Amino acid sequence: MNWHPRGFGGERRPPDQVKRDGWREQGMLAVSVEDDRLTWPEKELIRQVGEKLYGRRQENTENHHD
């Protein structure tokens, strides 16, 4: 018998699907300030909200986009 509780086993949802479901079902928004789908003003708004709620991000001197 292959029975697994919800969230255990089976197929994993893609990250964007998890984010979409979180927004639609719980009003939770998970977004990167580096998301290419956002315009500069949208990215800046997200950055400002993040800093207001959680403080400034740590500066990262390493470049992970090589």
PDB file of N, CA and C in Angstrom:
ATOM      1  N   MET A   1       0.846  -1.183   0.000  1.00  0.00           N
ATOM      2  CA  MET A   1       0.000   0.000   0.000  1.00  0.00           C
ATOM      3  C   MET A   1       0.890   1.244   0.000  1.00  0.00           C
ATOM      4  N   ASN A   2       0.674   2.141  -0.941  1.00  0.00           N
ATOM      5  CA  ASN A   2       1.454   3.366  -1.054  1.00  0.00           C
ATOM      6  C   ASN A   2       0.624   4.577  -0.659  1.00  0.00           C
ATOM      7  N   TRP A   3       0.409   4.750   0.617  1.00  0.00           N
ATOM      8  CA  TRP A   3      -0.335   5.912   1.086  1.00  0.00           C
ATOM      9  C   TRP A   3       0.612   6.847   1.812  1.00  0.00           C
ATOM     10  N   HIS A   4       0.583   8.117   1.442  1.00  0.00           N
ATOM     11  CA  HIS A   4       1.415   9.129   2.083  1.00  0.00           C
ATOM     12  C   HIS A   4       0.512  10.279   2.507  1.00  0.00           C
ATOM     13  N   PRO A   5       0.748  10.835   3.696  1.00  0.00           N
ATOM     14  CA  PRO A   5      -0.003  12.031   4.082  1.00  0.00           C
ATOM     15  C   PRO A   5       0.296  13.170   3.114  1.00  0.00           C
ATOM     16  N   ARG A   6      -0.624  14.118   2.998  1.00  0.00           N
ATOM     17  CA  ARG A   6      -0.439  15.253   2.098  1.00  0.00           C
ATOM     18  C   ARG A   6       0.875  15.959   2.427  1.00  0.00           C
ATOM     19  N   GLY A   7       1.656  16.234   1.399  1.00  0.00           N
ATOM     20  CA  GLY A   7       2.938  16.899   1.568  1.00  0.00           C
ATOM     21  C   GLY A   7       4.103  15.944   1.745  1.00  0.00           C
ATOM     22  N   PHE A   8       3.828  14.661   1.882  1.00  0.00           N
ATOM     23  CA  PHE A   8       4.884  13.673   2.046  1.00  0.00           C
ATOM     24  C   PHE A   8       4.797  12.676   0.900  1.00  0.00           C
ATOM     25  N   GLY A   9       5.864  12.566   0.150  1.00  0.00           N
ATOM     26  CA  GLY A   9       5.862  11.645  -0.975  1.00  0.00           C
ATOM     27  C   GLY A   9       5.112  12.235  -2.160  1.00  0.00           C
ATOM     28  N   GLY A  10       5.014  11.481  -3.201  1.00  0.00           N
ATOM     29  CA  GLY A  10       4.316  11.968  -4.390  1.00  0.00           C
ATOM     30  C   GLY A  10       5.142  12.998  -5.130  1.00  0.00           C
ATOM     31  N   GLU A  11       4.466  13.851  -5.906  1.00  0.00           N
ATOM     32  CA  GLU A  11       5.149  14.857  -6.707  1.00  0.00           C
ATOM     33  C   GLU A  11       5.283  16.161  -5.940  1.00  0.00           C
ATOM     34  N   ARG A  12       6.409  16.826  -6.142  1.00  0.00           N
ATOM     35  CA  ARG A  12       6.631  18.142  -5.553  1.00  0.00           C
ATOM     36  C   ARG A  12       6.086  19.198  -6.489  1.00  0.00           C
ATOM     37  N   ARG A  13       5.484  20.216  -5.909  1.00  0.00           N
ATOM     38  CA  ARG A  13       5.028  21.340  -6.717  1.00  0.00           C
ATOM     39  C   ARG A  13       6.214  22.240  -7.044  1.00  0.00           C
ATOM     40  N   PRO A  14       6.218  22.818  -8.226  1.00  0.00           N
ATOM     41  CA  PRO A  14       7.282  23.767  -8.573  1.00  0.00           C
ATOM     42  C   PRO A  14       7.229  24.975  -7.626  1.00  0.00           C
ATOM     43  N   PRO A  15       8.380  25.610  -7.369  1.00  0.00           N
ATOM     44  CA  PRO A  15       8.403  26.749  -6.450  1.00  0.00           C
ATOM     45  C   PRO A  15       7.401  27.853  -6.793  1.00  0.00           C
ATOM     46  N   ASP A  16       7.259  28.179  -8.086  1.00  0.00           N
ATOM     47  CA  ASP A  16       6.302  29.223  -8.453  1.00  0.00           C
ATOM     48  C   ASP A  16       4.865  28.821  -8.128  1.00  0.00           C
ATOM     49  N   GLN A  17       4.546  27.543  -8.201  1.00  0.00           N
ATOM     50  CA  GLN A  17       3.204  27.077  -7.849  1.00  0.00           C
ATOM     51  C   GLN A  17       2.966  27.235  -6.343  1.00  0.00           C
ATOM     52  N   VAL A  18       3.988  26.942  -5.541  1.00  0.00           N
ATOM     53  CA  VAL A  18       3.881  27.114  -4.091  1.00  0.00           C
ATOM     54  C   VAL A  18       3.636  28.585  -3.767  1.00  0.00           C
ATOM     55  N   LYS A  19       4.384  29.476  -4.423  1.00  0.00           N
ATOM     56  CA  LYS A  19       4.223  30.919  -4.202  1.00  0.00           C
ATOM     57  C   LYS A  19       2.836  31.381  -4.629  1.00  0.00           C
ATOM     58  N   ARG A  20       2.379  30.908  -5.788  1.00  0.00           N
ATOM     59  CA  ARG A  20       1.063  31.279  -6.302  1.00  0.00           C
ATOM     60  C   ARG A  20      -0.031  30.821  -5.347  1.00  0.00           C
ATOM     61  N   ASP A  21       0.065  29.584  -4.879  1.00  0.00           N
ATOM     62  CA  ASP A  21      -0.937  29.058  -3.946  1.00  0.00           C
ATOM     63  C   ASP A  21      -0.917  29.822  -2.630  1.00  0.00           C
ATOM     64  N   GLY A  22       0.276  30.173  -2.154  1.00  0.00           N
ATOM     65  CA  GLY A  22       0.390  30.945  -0.919  1.00  0.00           C
ATOM     66  C   GLY A  22      -0.290  32.293  -1.034  1.00  0.00           C
ATOM     67  N   TRP A  23      -0.137  32.943  -2.182  1.00  0.00           N
ATOM     68  CA  TRP A  23      -0.773  34.238  -2.410  1.00  0.00           C
ATOM     69  C   TRP A  23      -2.299  34.089  -2.495  1.00  0.00           C
ATOM     70  N   ARG A  24      -2.747  33.151  -3.281  1.00  0.00           N
ATOM     71  CA  ARG A  24      -4.180  32.990  -3.510  1.00  0.00           C
ATOM     72  C   ARG A  24      -4.927  32.478  -2.287  1.00  0.00           C
ATOM     73  N   GLU A  25      -4.293  31.583  -1.529  1.00  0.00           N
ATOM     74  CA  GLU A  25      -4.982  30.953  -0.408  1.00  0.00           C
ATOM     75  C   GLU A  25      -4.784  31.681   0.917  1.00  0.00           C
ATOM     76  N   GLN A  26      -3.620  32.322   1.106  1.00  0.00           N
ATOM     77  CA  GLN A  26      -3.314  32.908   2.407  1.00  0.00           C
ATOM     78  C   GLN A  26      -2.921  34.380   2.362  1.00  0.00           C
ATOM     79  N   GLY A  27      -2.834  34.950   1.166  1.00  0.00           N
ATOM     80  CA  GLY A  27      -2.432  36.350   1.057  1.00  0.00           C
ATOM     81  C   GLY A  27      -0.967  36.572   1.390  1.00  0.00           C
ATOM     82  N   MET A  28      -0.152  35.516   1.277  1.00  0.00           N
ATOM     83  CA  MET A  28       1.284  35.605   1.557  1.00  0.00           C
ATOM     84  C   MET A  28       2.017  35.791   0.232  1.00  0.00           C
ATOM     85  N   LEU A  29       2.945  36.728   0.201  1.00  0.00           N
ATOM     86  CA  LEU A  29       3.674  37.018  -1.025  1.00  0.00           C
ATOM     87  C   LEU A  29       5.155  36.711  -0.835  1.00  0.00           C
ATOM     88  N   ALA A  30       5.698  35.883  -1.695  1.00  0.00           N
ATOM     89  CA  ALA A  30       7.130  35.567  -1.688  1.00  0.00           C
ATOM     90  C   ALA A  30       7.682  35.990  -3.042  1.00  0.00           C
ATOM     91  N   VAL A  31       8.502  37.031  -3.028  1.00  0.00           N
ATOM     92  CA  VAL A  31       9.008  37.574  -4.290  1.00  0.00           C
ATOM     93  C   VAL A  31      10.454  38.022  -4.109  1.00  0.00           C
ATOM     94  N   SER A  32      11.244  37.841  -5.134  1.00  0.00           N
ATOM     95  CA  SER A  32      12.636  38.284  -5.122  1.00  0.00           C
ATOM     96  C   SER A  32      12.724  39.682  -5.724  1.00  0.00           C
ATOM     97  N   VAL A  33      13.528  40.537  -5.111  1.00  0.00           N
ATOM     98  CA  VAL A  33      13.728  41.875  -5.681  1.00  0.00           C
ATOM     99  C   VAL A  33      14.513  41.792  -6.985  1.00  0.00           C
ATOM    100  N   GLU A  34      15.027  40.634  -7.311  1.00  0.00           N
ATOM    101  CA  GLU A  34      15.784  40.455  -8.544  1.00  0.00           C
ATOM    102  C   GLU A  34      14.979  39.719  -9.620  1.00  0.00           C
ATOM    103  N   ASP A  35      13.674  39.569  -9.401  1.00  0.00           N
ATOM    104  CA  ASP A  35      12.808  38.881 -10.359  1.00  0.00           C
ATOM    105  C   ASP A  35      12.721  39.705 -11.646  1.00  0.00           C
ATOM    106  N   ASP A  36      13.117  39.112 -12.760  1.00  0.00           N
ATOM    107  CA  ASP A  36      13.136  39.822 -14.045  1.00  0.00           C
ATOM    108  C   ASP A  36      11.748  40.182 -14.562  1.00  0.00           C
ATOM    109  N   ARG A  37      10.705  39.622 -13.976  1.00  0.00           N
ATOM    110  CA  ARG A  37       9.345  39.956 -14.410  1.00  0.00           C
ATOM    111  C   ARG A  37       8.883  41.291 -13.850  1.00  0.00           C
ATOM    112  N   LEU A  38       9.641  41.845 -12.890  1.00  0.00           N
ATOM    113  CA  LEU A  38       9.270  43.106 -12.258  1.00  0.00           C
ATOM    114  C   LEU A  38       9.996  44.278 -12.906  1.00  0.00           C
ATOM    115  N   THR A  39       9.326  45.421 -12.942  1.00  0.00           N
ATOM    116  CA  THR A  39       9.961  46.652 -13.415  1.00  0.00           C
ATOM    117  C   THR A  39      10.815  47.225 -12.282  1.00  0.00           C
ATOM    118  N   TRP A  40      11.655  48.212 -12.614  1.00  0.00           N
ATOM    119  CA  TRP A  40      12.483  48.814 -11.576  1.00  0.00           C
ATOM    120  C   TRP A  40      11.633  49.387 -10.444  1.00  0.00           C
ATOM    121  N   PRO A  41      10.551  50.179 -10.730  1.00  0.00           N
ATOM    122  CA  PRO A  41       9.759  50.713  -9.611  1.00  0.00           C
ATOM    123  C   PRO A  41       9.141  49.612  -8.739  1.00  0.00           C
ATOM    124  N   GLU A  42       8.751  48.505  -9.340  1.00  0.00           N
ATOM    125  CA  GLU A  42       8.195  47.389  -8.563  1.00  0.00           C
ATOM    126  C   GLU A  42       9.263  46.765  -7.664  1.00  0.00           C
ATOM    127  N   LYS A  43      10.465  46.588  -8.210  1.00  0.00           N
ATOM    128  CA  LYS A  43      11.574  46.040  -7.421  1.00  0.00           C
ATOM    129  C   LYS A  43      11.909  46.965  -6.251  1.00  0.00           C
ATOM    130  N   GLU A  44      11.905  48.256  -6.521  1.00  0.00           N
ATOM    131  CA  GLU A  44      12.217  49.232  -5.480  1.00  0.00           C
ATOM    132  C   GLU A  44      11.148  49.214  -4.378  1.00  0.00           C
ATOM    133  N   LEU A  45       9.907  49.085  -4.754  1.00  0.00           N
ATOM    134  CA  LEU A  45       8.822  48.995  -3.765  1.00  0.00           C
ATOM    135  C   LEU A  45       8.991  47.765  -2.886  1.00  0.00           C
ATOM    136  N   ILE A  46       9.293  46.625  -3.505  1.00  0.00           N
ATOM    137  CA  ILE A  46       9.512  45.387  -2.752  1.00  0.00           C
ATOM    138  C   ILE A  46      10.694  45.560  -1.801  1.00  0.00           C
ATOM    139  N   ARG A  47      11.780  46.173  -2.277  1.00  0.00           N
ATOM    140  CA  ARG A  47      12.956  46.397  -1.435  1.00  0.00           C
ATOM    141  C   ARG A  47      12.608  47.262  -0.233  1.00  0.00           C
ATOM    142  N   GLN A  48      11.856  48.338  -0.463  1.00  0.00           N
ATOM    143  CA  GLN A  48      11.497  49.243   0.622  1.00  0.00           C
ATOM    144  C   GLN A  48      10.587  48.570   1.647  1.00  0.00           C
ATOM    145  N   VAL A  49       9.641  47.793   1.186  1.00  0.00           N
ATOM    146  CA  VAL A  49       8.761  47.070   2.115  1.00  0.00           C
ATOM    147  C   VAL A  49       9.576  46.062   2.930  1.00  0.00           C
ATOM    148  N   GLY A  50      10.464  45.325   2.261  1.00  0.00           N
ATOM    149  CA  GLY A  50      11.310  44.362   2.956  1.00  0.00           C
ATOM    150  C   GLY A  50      12.166  45.025   4.021  1.00  0.00           C
ATOM    151  N   GLU A  51      12.771  46.173   3.692  1.00  0.00           N
ATOM    152  CA  GLU A  51      13.598  46.879   4.664  1.00  0.00           C
ATOM    153  C   GLU A  51      12.776  47.409   5.827  1.00  0.00           C
ATOM    154  N   LYS A  52      11.576  47.863   5.544  1.00  0.00           N
ATOM    155  CA  LYS A  52      10.711  48.371   6.614  1.00  0.00           C
ATOM    156  C   LYS A  52      10.345  47.256   7.596  1.00  0.00           C
ATOM    157  N   LEU A  53      10.018  46.092   7.067  1.00  0.00           N
ATOM    158  CA  LEU A  53       9.570  44.987   7.917  1.00  0.00           C
ATOM    159  C   LEU A  53      10.723  44.226   8.568  1.00  0.00           C
ATOM    160  N   TYR A  54      11.833  44.052   7.834  1.00  0.00           N
ATOM    161  CA  TYR A  54      12.882  43.136   8.287  1.00  0.00           C
ATOM    162  C   TYR A  54      14.269  43.752   8.387  1.00  0.00           C
ATOM    163  N   GLY A  55      14.433  45.022   8.026  1.00  0.00           N
ATOM    164  CA  GLY A  55      15.746  45.657   8.062  1.00  0.00           C
ATOM    165  C   GLY A  55      16.497  45.465   6.758  1.00  0.00           C
ATOM    166  N   ARG A  56      17.638  46.131   6.682  1.00  0.00           N
ATOM    167  CA  ARG A  56      18.449  46.057   5.458  1.00  0.00           C
ATOM    168  C   ARG A  56      19.022  44.671   5.251  1.00  0.00           C
ATOM    169  N   ARG A  57      19.206  44.313   3.993  1.00  0.00           N
ATOM    170  CA  ARG A  57      19.848  43.046   3.632  1.00  0.00           C
ATOM    171  C   ARG A  57      21.339  43.176   3.850  1.00  0.00           C
ATOM    172  N   GLN A  58      21.992  42.053   4.118  1.00  0.00           N
ATOM    173  CA  GLN A  58      23.452  42.049   4.226  1.00  0.00           C
ATOM    174  C   GLN A  58      24.031  42.201   2.838  1.00  0.00           C
ATOM    175  N   GLU A  59      25.070  43.000   2.749  1.00  0.00           N
ATOM    176  CA  GLU A  59      25.767  43.166   1.470  1.00  0.00           C
ATOM    177  C   GLU A  59      26.551  41.900   1.197  1.00  0.00           C
ATOM    178  N   ASN A  60      26.435  41.381  -0.010  1.00  0.00           N
ATOM    179  CA  ASN A  60      27.141  40.163  -0.399  1.00  0.00           C
ATOM    180  C   ASN A  60      28.201  40.544  -1.420  1.00  0.00           C
ATOM    181  N   THR A  61      29.455  40.336  -1.068  1.00  0.00           N
ATOM    182  CA  THR A  61      30.554  40.706  -1.960  1.00  0.00           C
ATOM    183  C   THR A  61      30.849  39.642  -2.999  1.00  0.00           C
ATOM    184  N   GLU A  62      30.333  38.425  -2.793  1.00  0.00           N
ATOM    185  CA  GLU A  62      30.549  37.363  -3.770  1.00  0.00           C
ATOM    186  C   GLU A  62      29.541  37.478  -4.894  1.00  0.00           C
ATOM    187  N   ASN A  63      29.950  37.103  -6.083  1.00  0.00           N
ATOM    188  CA  ASN A  63      29.048  37.125  -7.225  1.00  0.00           C
ATOM    189  C   ASN A  63      28.625  35.695  -7.522  1.00  0.00           C
ATOM    190  N   HIS A  64      27.371  35.377  -7.273  1.00  0.00           N
ATOM    191  CA  HIS A  64      26.876  34.024  -7.484  1.00  0.00           C
ATOM    192  C   HIS A  64      26.288  33.830  -8.876  1.00  0.00           C
ATOM    193  N   HIS A  65      26.423  34.824  -9.741  1.00  0.00           N
ATOM    194  CA  HIS A  65      25.818  34.735 -11.066  1.00  0.00           C
ATOM    195  C   HIS A  65      26.856  34.450 -12.141  1.00  0.00           C
ATOM    196  N   ASP A  66      27.977  33.867 -11.772  1.00  0.00           N
ATOM    197  CA  ASP A  66      29.026  33.557 -12.748  1.00  0.00           C
ATOM    198  C   ASP A  66      28.631  32.422 -13.646  1.00  0.00           C
TER     199      ASP A  66
END
